[in-house]
Amino acid sequence: MLKVNEYFDGKAKSIAFQTSTLPATVGVISPGEYEFGTSKKETMTVISGALTVLLPGVDEWMTYGAGESFDVAGQASFKAKADIDTAYLCTYE
């Protein structure tokens, strides 16, 4: 069954589902700056647009475009900025 998640007053929305191997979400982040927390290890892949992130333990913001991925450890938080609507796929381990 699909589960819809909404964050930051509707500026980030995702739909949770089960892939053949891992739980996942697919969603869209509207323009703005956000801080996300993780409970499990996440691999986030940008599908469309671009996401600029500040990952735990890293001093510089990095921008990821369509087709690029980054990992975030479980029980961590990271900051993200989007200048345009940005779609993503996130898998959880």
PDB file of N, CA and C in Angstrom:
ATOM      1  N   MET A   1       0.838  -1.175   0.000  1.00  0.00           N
ATOM      2  CA  MET A   1       0.000   0.000   0.000  1.00  0.00           C
ATOM      3  C   MET A   1       0.887   1.244   0.000  1.00  0.00           C
ATOM      4  N   LEU A   2       0.451   2.285  -0.682  1.00  0.00           N
ATOM      5  CA  LEU A   2       1.195   3.535  -0.741  1.00  0.00           C
ATOM      6  C   LEU A   2       0.873   4.388   0.479  1.00  0.00           C
ATOM      7  N   LYS A   3       1.896   5.089   0.971  1.00  0.00           N
ATOM      8  CA  LYS A   3       1.710   5.992   2.093  1.00  0.00           C
ATOM      9  C   LYS A   3       2.240   7.361   1.689  1.00  0.00           C
ATOM     10  N   VAL A   4       1.421   8.387   1.819  1.00  0.00           N
ATOM     11  CA  VAL A   4       1.826   9.745   1.462  1.00  0.00           C
ATOM     12  C   VAL A   4       2.358  10.449   2.707  1.00  0.00           C
ATOM     13  N   ASN A   5       3.539  11.076   2.568  1.00  0.00           N
ATOM     14  CA  ASN A   5       4.149  11.835   3.652  1.00  0.00           C
ATOM     15  C   ASN A   5       4.237  13.294   3.224  1.00  0.00           C
ATOM     16  N   GLU A   6       4.030  14.198   4.173  1.00  0.00           N
ATOM     17  CA  GLU A   6       4.098  15.630   3.887  1.00  0.00           C
ATOM     18  C   GLU A   6       4.934  16.302   4.967  1.00  0.00           C
ATOM     19  N   TYR A   7       5.852  17.168   4.552  1.00  0.00           N
ATOM     20  CA  TYR A   7       6.764  17.850   5.466  1.00  0.00           C
ATOM     21  C   TYR A   7       6.791  19.342   5.147  1.00  0.00           C
ATOM     22  N   PHE A   8       7.203  20.138   6.118  1.00  0.00           N
ATOM     23  CA  PHE A   8       7.438  21.565   5.916  1.00  0.00           C
ATOM     24  C   PHE A   8       6.225  22.257   5.284  1.00  0.00           C
ATOM     25  N   ASP A   9       5.066  22.076   5.914  1.00  0.00           N
ATOM     26  CA  ASP A   9       3.821  22.710   5.457  1.00  0.00           C
ATOM     27  C   ASP A   9       3.517  22.408   3.999  1.00  0.00           C
ATOM     28  N   GLY A  10       3.781  21.181   3.582  1.00  0.00           N
ATOM     29  CA  GLY A  10       3.457  20.755   2.224  1.00  0.00           C
ATOM     30  C   GLY A  10       4.495  21.094   1.175  1.00  0.00           C
ATOM     31  N   LYS A  11       5.630  21.658   1.586  1.00  0.00           N
ATOM     32  CA  LYS A  11       6.673  22.033   0.616  1.00  0.00           C
ATOM     33  C   LYS A  11       7.528  20.845   0.193  1.00  0.00           C
ATOM     34  N   ALA A  12       7.412  19.743   0.909  1.00  0.00           N
ATOM     35  CA  ALA A  12       8.075  18.490   0.532  1.00  0.00           C
ATOM     36  C   ALA A  12       7.058  17.372   0.740  1.00  0.00           C
ATOM     37  N   LYS A  13       6.839  16.593  -0.315  1.00  0.00           N
ATOM     38  CA  LYS A  13       5.890  15.476  -0.230  1.00  0.00           C
ATOM     39  C   LYS A  13       6.527  14.242  -0.837  1.00  0.00           C
ATOM     40  N   SER A  14       6.179  13.090  -0.276  1.00  0.00           N
ATOM     41  CA  SER A  14       6.706  11.840  -0.812  1.00  0.00           C
ATOM     42  C   SER A  14       5.653  10.747  -0.712  1.00  0.00           C
ATOM     43  N   ILE A  15       5.849   9.735  -1.512  1.00  0.00           N
ATOM     44  CA  ILE A  15       5.001   8.544  -1.481  1.00  0.00           C
ATOM     45  C   ILE A  15       5.907   7.359  -1.170  1.00  0.00           C
ATOM     46  N   ALA A  16       5.596   6.637  -0.100  1.00  0.00           N
ATOM     47  CA  ALA A  16       6.398   5.481   0.317  1.00  0.00           C
ATOM     48  C   ALA A  16       5.890   4.226  -0.389  1.00  0.00           C
ATOM     49  N   PHE A  17       6.838   3.360  -0.760  1.00  0.00           N
ATOM     50  CA  PHE A  17       6.493   2.086  -1.392  1.00  0.00           C
ATOM     51  C   PHE A  17       7.626   1.104  -1.157  1.00  0.00           C
ATOM     52  N   GLN A  18       7.409  -0.135  -1.529  1.00  0.00           N
ATOM     53  CA  GLN A  18       8.408  -1.196  -1.370  1.00  0.00           C
ATOM     54  C   GLN A  18       8.941  -1.579  -2.744  1.00  0.00           C
ATOM     55  N   THR A  19      10.268  -1.436  -2.958  1.00  0.00           N
ATOM     56  CA  THR A  19      10.868  -1.926  -4.197  1.00  0.00           C
ATOM     57  C   THR A  19      11.040  -3.439  -4.070  1.00  0.00           C
ATOM     58  N   SER A  20      11.632  -4.062  -5.066  1.00  0.00           N
ATOM     59  CA  SER A  20      11.848  -5.508  -4.983  1.00  0.00           C
ATOM     60  C   SER A  20      12.857  -5.874  -3.900  1.00  0.00           C
ATOM     61  N   THR A  21      13.670  -4.885  -3.471  1.00  0.00           N
ATOM     62  CA  THR A  21      14.691  -5.190  -2.468  1.00  0.00           C
ATOM     63  C   THR A  21      14.668  -4.294  -1.237  1.00  0.00           C
ATOM     64  N   LEU A  22      14.254  -3.030  -1.368  1.00  0.00           N
ATOM     65  CA  LEU A  22      14.337  -2.081  -0.256  1.00  0.00           C
ATOM     66  C   LEU A  22      13.083  -1.217  -0.168  1.00  0.00           C
ATOM     67  N   PRO A  23      12.760  -0.727   1.036  1.00  0.00           N
ATOM     68  CA  PRO A  23      11.724   0.293   1.132  1.00  0.00           C
ATOM     69  C   PRO A  23      12.231   1.584   0.480  1.00  0.00           C
ATOM     70  N   ALA A  24      11.299   2.382  -0.067  1.00  0.00           N
ATOM     71  CA  ALA A  24      11.702   3.585  -0.788  1.00  0.00           C
ATOM     72  C   ALA A  24      10.612   4.643  -0.709  1.00  0.00           C
ATOM     73  N   THR A  25      10.992   5.867  -1.058  1.00  0.00           N
ATOM     74  CA  THR A  25      10.032   6.948  -1.274  1.00  0.00           C
ATOM     75  C   THR A  25      10.418   7.654  -2.563  1.00  0.00           C
ATOM     76  N   VAL A  26       9.413   8.207  -3.217  1.00  0.00           N
ATOM     77  CA  VAL A  26       9.631   9.079  -4.364  1.00  0.00           C
ATOM     78  C   VAL A  26       8.883  10.363  -4.039  1.00  0.00           C
ATOM     79  N   GLY A  27       9.510  11.510  -4.296  1.00  0.00           N
ATOM     80  CA  GLY A  27       8.860  12.743  -3.886  1.00  0.00           C
ATOM     81  C   GLY A  27       9.373  13.962  -4.612  1.00  0.00           C
ATOM     82  N   VAL A  28       8.840  15.102  -4.182  1.00  0.00           N
ATOM     83  CA  VAL A  28       9.215  16.394  -4.744  1.00  0.00           C
ATOM     84  C   VAL A  28       9.456  17.371  -3.603  1.00  0.00           C
ATOM     85  N   ILE A  29      10.527  18.145  -3.735  1.00  0.00           N
ATOM     86  CA  ILE A  29      10.864  19.197  -2.786  1.00  0.00           C
ATOM     87  C   ILE A  29      10.707  20.526  -3.508  1.00  0.00           C
ATOM     88  N   SER A  30       9.886  21.422  -2.960  1.00  0.00           N
ATOM     89  CA  SER A  30       9.691  22.752  -3.534  1.00  0.00           C
ATOM     90  C   SER A  30      10.884  23.647  -3.184  1.00  0.00           C
ATOM     91  N   PRO A  31      11.048  24.757  -3.911  1.00  0.00           N
ATOM     92  CA  PRO A  31      12.152  25.667  -3.597  1.00  0.00           C
ATOM     93  C   PRO A  31      12.141  26.083  -2.125  1.00  0.00           C
ATOM     94  N   GLY A  32      13.328  26.102  -1.527  1.00  0.00           N
ATOM     95  CA  GLY A  32      13.479  26.480  -0.130  1.00  0.00           C
ATOM     96  C   GLY A  32      14.673  25.785   0.489  1.00  0.00           C
ATOM     97  N   GLU A  33      14.863  26.004   1.794  1.00  0.00           N
ATOM     98  CA  GLU A  33      15.950  25.375   2.542  1.00  0.00           C
ATOM     99  C   GLU A  33      15.339  24.578   3.688  1.00  0.00           C
ATOM    100  N   TYR A  34      15.823  23.349   3.865  1.00  0.00           N
ATOM    101  CA  TYR A  34      15.209  22.410   4.808  1.00  0.00           C
ATOM    102  C   TYR A  34      16.282  21.639   5.564  1.00  0.00           C
ATOM    103  N   GLU A  35      15.871  21.053   6.709  1.00  0.00           N
ATOM    104  CA  GLU A  35      16.730  20.117   7.420  1.00  0.00           C
ATOM    105  C   GLU A  35      15.944  18.830   7.631  1.00  0.00           C
ATOM    106  N   PHE A  36      16.503  17.720   7.138  1.00  0.00           N
ATOM    107  CA  PHE A  36      15.866  16.413   7.221  1.00  0.00           C
ATOM    108  C   PHE A  36      16.618  15.542   8.210  1.00  0.00           C
ATOM    109  N   GLY A  37      15.895  14.691   8.924  1.00  0.00           N
ATOM    110  CA  GLY A  37      16.500  13.706   9.806  1.00  0.00           C
ATOM    111  C   GLY A  37      16.312  12.316   9.218  1.00  0.00           C
ATOM    112  N   THR A  38      17.243  11.428   9.517  1.00  0.00           N
ATOM    113  CA  THR A  38      17.161  10.057   9.025  1.00  0.00           C
ATOM    114  C   THR A  38      17.036   9.096  10.197  1.00  0.00           C
ATOM    115  N   SER A  39      16.325   8.004   9.987  1.00  0.00           N
ATOM    116  CA  SER A  39      16.290   6.944  10.991  1.00  0.00           C
ATOM    117  C   SER A  39      17.111   5.750  10.513  1.00  0.00           C
ATOM    118  N   LYS A  40      17.156   5.554   9.191  1.00  0.00           N
ATOM    119  CA  LYS A  40      17.948   4.490   8.575  1.00  0.00           C
ATOM    120  C   LYS A  40      18.897   5.109   7.560  1.00  0.00           C
ATOM    121  N   LYS A  41      19.866   4.325   7.096  1.00  0.00           N
ATOM    122  CA  LYS A  41      20.739   4.792   6.027  1.00  0.00           C
ATOM    123  C   LYS A  41      19.874   5.082   4.799  1.00  0.00           C
ATOM    124  N   GLU A  42      20.106   6.241   4.178  1.00  0.00           N
ATOM    125  CA  GLU A  42      19.347   6.638   2.999  1.00  0.00           C
ATOM    126  C   GLU A  42      20.278   6.869   1.817  1.00  0.00           C
ATOM    127  N   THR A  43      19.840   6.437   0.658  1.00  0.00           N
ATOM    128  CA  THR A  43      20.491   6.801  -0.597  1.00  0.00           C
ATOM    129  C   THR A  43      19.479   7.613  -1.378  1.00  0.00           C
ATOM    130  N   MET A  44      19.806   8.875  -1.625  1.00  0.00           N
ATOM    131  CA  MET A  44      18.893   9.770  -2.317  1.00  0.00           C
ATOM    132  C   MET A  44      19.411  10.025  -3.722  1.00  0.00           C
ATOM    133  N   THR A  45      18.568   9.791  -4.724  1.00  0.00           N
ATOM    134  CA  THR A  45      18.909  10.021  -6.119  1.00  0.00           C
ATOM    135  C   THR A  45      17.999  11.119  -6.659  1.00  0.00           C
ATOM    136  N   VAL A  46      18.609  12.159  -7.219  1.00  0.00           N
ATOM    137  CA  VAL A  46      17.832  13.243  -7.825  1.00  0.00           C
ATOM    138  C   VAL A  46      17.319  12.748  -9.174  1.00  0.00           C
ATOM    139  N   ILE A  47      16.031  12.910  -9.406  1.00  0.00           N
ATOM    140  CA  ILE A  47      15.410  12.485 -10.656  1.00  0.00           C
ATOM    141  C   ILE A  47      15.304  13.656 -11.627  1.00  0.00           C
ATOM    142  N   SER A  48      14.925  14.817 -11.105  1.00  0.00           N
ATOM    143  CA  SER A  48      14.744  16.011 -11.920  1.00  0.00           C
ATOM    144  C   SER A  48      15.054  17.216 -11.057  1.00  0.00           C
ATOM    145  N   GLY A  49      15.665  18.237 -11.648  1.00  0.00           N
ATOM    146  CA  GLY A  49      16.030  19.422 -10.880  1.00  0.00           C
ATOM    147  C   GLY A  49      17.405  19.260 -10.268  1.00  0.00           C
ATOM    148  N   ALA A  50      17.626  19.901  -9.135  1.00  0.00           N
ATOM    149  CA  ALA A  50      18.917  19.844  -8.450  1.00  0.00           C
ATOM    150  C   ALA A  50      18.699  20.077  -6.963  1.00  0.00           C
ATOM    151  N   LEU A  51      19.509  19.422  -6.170  1.00  0.00           N
ATOM    152  CA  LEU A  51      19.444  19.548  -4.722  1.00  0.00           C
ATOM    153  C   LEU A  51      20.839  19.851  -4.212  1.00  0.00           C
ATOM    154  N   THR A  52      20.963  20.926  -3.440  1.00  0.00           N
ATOM    155  CA  THR A  52      22.239  21.298  -2.830  1.00  0.00           C
ATOM    156  C   THR A  52      22.165  20.884  -1.372  1.00  0.00           C
ATOM    157  N   VAL A  53      23.126  20.067  -0.934  1.00  0.00           N
ATOM    158  CA  VAL A  53      23.047  19.488   0.408  1.00  0.00           C
ATOM    159  C   VAL A  53      24.320  19.737   1.216  1.00  0.00           C
ATOM    160  N   LEU A  54      24.130  19.828   2.521  1.00  0.00           N
ATOM    161  CA  LEU A  54      25.229  19.872   3.476  1.00  0.00           C
ATOM    162  C   LEU A  54      25.105  18.599   4.300  1.00  0.00           C
ATOM    163  N   LEU A  55      25.991  17.643   4.030  1.00  0.00           N
ATOM    164  CA  LEU A  55      25.924  16.330   4.668  1.00  0.00           C
ATOM    165  C   LEU A  55      26.649  16.334   6.008  1.00  0.00           C
ATOM    166  N   PRO A  56      26.294  15.424   6.906  1.00  0.00           N
ATOM    167  CA  PRO A  56      26.952  15.350   8.215  1.00  0.00           C
ATOM    168  C   PRO A  56      28.461  15.155   8.058  1.00  0.00           C
ATOM    169  N   GLY A  57      29.234  15.931   8.819  1.00  0.00           N
ATOM    170  CA  GLY A  57      30.679  15.794   8.808  1.00  0.00           C
ATOM    171  C   GLY A  57      31.368  16.431   7.611  1.00  0.00           C
ATOM    172  N   VAL A  58      30.607  17.125   6.774  1.00  0.00           N
ATOM    173  CA  VAL A  58      31.174  17.779   5.592  1.00  0.00           C
ATOM    174  C   VAL A  58      31.008  19.286   5.754  1.00  0.00           C
ATOM    175  N   ASP A  59      32.032  20.057   5.380  1.00  0.00           N
ATOM    176  CA  ASP A  59      31.998  21.504   5.572  1.00  0.00           C
ATOM    177  C   ASP A  59      31.462  22.276   4.375  1.00  0.00           C
ATOM    178  N   GLU A  60      31.381  21.635   3.204  1.00  0.00           N
ATOM    179  CA  GLU A  60      30.969  22.350   1.998  1.00  0.00           C
ATOM    180  C   GLU A  60      29.658  21.806   1.449  1.00  0.00           C
ATOM    181  N   TRP A  61      28.805  22.709   0.983  1.00  0.00           N
ATOM    182  CA  TRP A  61      27.574  22.329   0.308  1.00  0.00           C
ATOM    183  C   TRP A  61      27.941  21.709  -1.037  1.00  0.00           C
ATOM    184  N   MET A  62      27.234  20.647  -1.422  1.00  0.00           N
ATOM    185  CA  MET A  62      27.446  19.977  -2.707  1.00  0.00           C
ATOM    186  C   MET A  62      26.114  19.943  -3.453  1.00  0.00           C
ATOM    187  N   THR A  63      26.168  20.159  -4.766  1.00  0.00           N
ATOM    188  CA  THR A  63      24.957  20.139  -5.583  1.00  0.00           C
ATOM    189  C   THR A  63      24.897  18.852  -6.387  1.00  0.00           C
ATOM    190  N   TYR A  64      23.735  18.204  -6.345  1.00  0.00           N
ATOM    191  CA  TYR A  64      23.489  16.954  -7.072  1.00  0.00           C
ATOM    192  C   TYR A  64      22.374  17.207  -8.076  1.00  0.00           C
ATOM    193  N   GLY A  65      22.629  16.845  -9.326  1.00  0.00           N
ATOM    194  CA  GLY A  65      21.645  17.007 -10.388  1.00  0.00           C
ATOM    195  C   GLY A  65      20.995  15.691 -10.747  1.00  0.00           C
ATOM    196  N   ALA A  66      20.170  15.731 -11.778  1.00  0.00           N
ATOM    197  CA  ALA A  66      19.430  14.546 -12.219  1.00  0.00           C
ATOM    198  C   ALA A  66      20.381  13.382 -12.477  1.00  0.00           C
ATOM    199  N   GLY A  67      20.056  12.222 -11.885  1.00  0.00           N
ATOM    200  CA  GLY A  67      20.853  11.022 -12.046  1.00  0.00           C
ATOM    201  C   GLY A  67      21.970  10.861 -11.034  1.00  0.00           C
ATOM    202  N   GLU A  68      22.199  11.861 -10.199  1.00  0.00           N
ATOM    203  CA  GLU A  68      23.265  11.783  -9.193  1.00  0.00           C
ATOM    204  C   GLU A  68      22.676  11.408  -7.832  1.00  0.00           C
ATOM    205  N   SER A  69      23.495  10.720  -7.016  1.00  0.00           N
ATOM    206  CA  SER A  69      23.045  10.207  -5.717  1.00  0.00           C
ATOM    207  C   SER A  69      24.010  10.580  -4.606  1.00  0.00           C
ATOM    208  N   PHE A  70      23.491  10.567  -3.380  1.00  0.00           N
ATOM    209  CA  PHE A  70      24.329  10.720  -2.195  1.00  0.00           C
ATOM    210  C   PHE A  70      23.745   9.866  -1.080  1.00  0.00           C
ATOM    211  N   ASP A  71      24.588   9.520  -0.115  1.00  0.00           N
ATOM    212  CA  ASP A  71      24.192   8.682   1.021  1.00  0.00           C
ATOM    213  C   ASP A  71      24.202   9.499   2.299  1.00  0.00           C
ATOM    214  N   VAL A  72      23.277   9.169   3.190  1.00  0.00           N
ATOM    215  CA  VAL A  72      23.232   9.763   4.525  1.00  0.00           C
ATOM    216  C   VAL A  72      23.085   8.618   5.517  1.00  0.00           C
ATOM    217  N   ALA A  73      23.926   8.612   6.534  1.00  0.00           N
ATOM    218  CA  ALA A  73      23.873   7.563   7.559  1.00  0.00           C
ATOM    219  C   ALA A  73      22.559   7.645   8.331  1.00  0.00           C
ATOM    220  N   GLY A  74      22.194   6.546   8.947  1.00  0.00           N
ATOM    221  CA  GLY A  74      21.025   6.532   9.815  1.00  0.00           C
ATOM    222  C   GLY A  74      21.263   7.343  11.074  1.00  0.00           C
ATOM    223  N   GLN A  75      20.196   7.813  11.694  1.00  0.00           N
ATOM    224  CA  GLN A  75      20.260   8.609  12.922  1.00  0.00           C
ATOM    225  C   GLN A  75      21.126   9.863  12.727  1.00  0.00           C
ATOM    226  N   ALA A  76      20.933  10.522  11.594  1.00  0.00           N
ATOM    227  CA  ALA A  76      21.694  11.731  11.277  1.00  0.00           C
ATOM    228  C   ALA A  76      20.722  12.776  10.736  1.00  0.00           C
ATOM    229  N   SER A  77      21.246  13.962  10.484  1.00  0.00           N
ATOM    230  CA  SER A  77      20.444  14.990   9.828  1.00  0.00           C
ATOM    231  C   SER A  77      21.305  15.661   8.772  1.00  0.00           C
ATOM    232  N   PHE A  78      20.636  16.214   7.768  1.00  0.00           N
ATOM    233  CA  PHE A  78      21.349  16.939   6.719  1.00  0.00           C
ATOM    234  C   PHE A  78      20.492  18.095   6.253  1.00  0.00           C
ATOM    235  N   LYS A  79      21.154  19.121   5.739  1.00  0.00           N
ATOM    236  CA  LYS A  79      20.455  20.292   5.217  1.00  0.00           C
ATOM    237  C   LYS A  79      20.372  20.182   3.712  1.00  0.00           C
ATOM    238  N   ALA A  80      19.268  20.687   3.150  1.00  0.00           N
ATOM    239  CA  ALA A  80      19.062  20.630   1.709  1.00  0.00           C
ATOM    240  C   ALA A  80      18.438  21.932   1.229  1.00  0.00           C
ATOM    241  N   LYS A  81      18.877  22.378   0.050  1.00  0.00           N
ATOM    242  CA  LYS A  81      18.326  23.572  -0.584  1.00  0.00           C
ATOM    243  C   LYS A  81      17.930  23.218  -2.008  1.00  0.00           C
ATOM    244  N   ALA A  82      16.768  23.728  -2.434  1.00  0.00           N
ATOM    245  CA  ALA A  82      16.325  23.557  -3.814  1.00  0.00           C
ATOM    246  C   ALA A  82      15.940  24.927  -4.359  1.00  0.00           C
ATOM    247  N   ASP A  83      16.377  25.228  -5.570  1.00  0.00           N
ATOM    248  CA  ASP A  83      16.016  26.487  -6.223  1.00  0.00           C
ATOM    249  C   ASP A  83      14.810  26.313  -7.141  1.00  0.00           C
ATOM    250  N   ILE A  84      14.552  25.071  -7.549  1.00  0.00           N
ATOM    251  CA  ILE A  84      13.402  24.739  -8.379  1.00  0.00           C
ATOM    252  C   ILE A  84      12.770  23.464  -7.810  1.00  0.00           C
ATOM    253  N   ASP A  85      11.555  23.162  -8.227  1.00  0.00           N
ATOM    254  CA  ASP A  85      10.948  21.894  -7.811  1.00  0.00           C
ATOM    255  C   ASP A  85      11.889  20.756  -8.187  1.00  0.00           C
ATOM    256  N   THR A  86      12.220  19.906  -7.229  1.00  0.00           N
ATOM    257  CA  THR A  86      13.191  18.839  -7.441  1.00  0.00           C
ATOM    258  C   THR A  86      12.583  17.505  -7.028  1.00  0.00           C
ATOM    259  N   ALA A  87      12.608  16.556  -7.958  1.00  0.00           N
ATOM    260  CA  ALA A  87      12.075  15.219  -7.700  1.00  0.00           C
ATOM    261  C   ALA A  87      13.222  14.297  -7.306  1.00  0.00           C
ATOM    262  N   TYR A  88      12.910  13.327  -6.447  1.00  0.00           N
ATOM    263  CA  TYR A  88      13.936  12.410  -5.955  1.00  0.00           C
ATOM    264  C   TYR A  88      13.367  11.022  -5.703  1.00  0.00           C
ATOM    265  N   LEU A  89      14.279  10.060  -5.638  1.00  0.00           N
ATOM    266  CA  LEU A  89      13.987   8.702  -5.195  1.00  0.00           C
ATOM    267  C   LEU A  89      14.918   8.421  -4.031  1.00  0.00           C
ATOM    268  N   CYS A  90      14.365   7.926  -2.940  1.00  0.00           N
ATOM    269  CA  CYS A  90      15.172   7.624  -1.765  1.00  0.00           C
ATOM    270  C   CYS A  90      14.946   6.171  -1.364  1.00  0.00           C
ATOM    271  N   THR A  91      16.032   5.422  -1.181  1.00  0.00           N
ATOM    272  CA  THR A  91      15.923   4.048  -0.683  1.00  0.00           C
ATOM    273  C   THR A  91      16.498   3.997   0.722  1.00  0.00           C
ATOM    274  N   TYR A  92      15.990   3.052   1.525  1.00  0.00           N
ATOM    275  CA  TYR A  92      16.343   2.964   2.940  1.00  0.00           C
ATOM    276  C   TYR A  92      16.893   1.586   3.259  1.00  0.00           C
ATOM    277  N   GLU A  93      18.003   1.555   4.009  1.00  0.00           N
ATOM    278  CA  GLU A  93      18.608   0.289   4.412  1.00  0.00           C
ATOM    279  C   GLU A  93      18.660   0.197   5.924  1.00  0.00           C
TER     280      GLU A  93
END
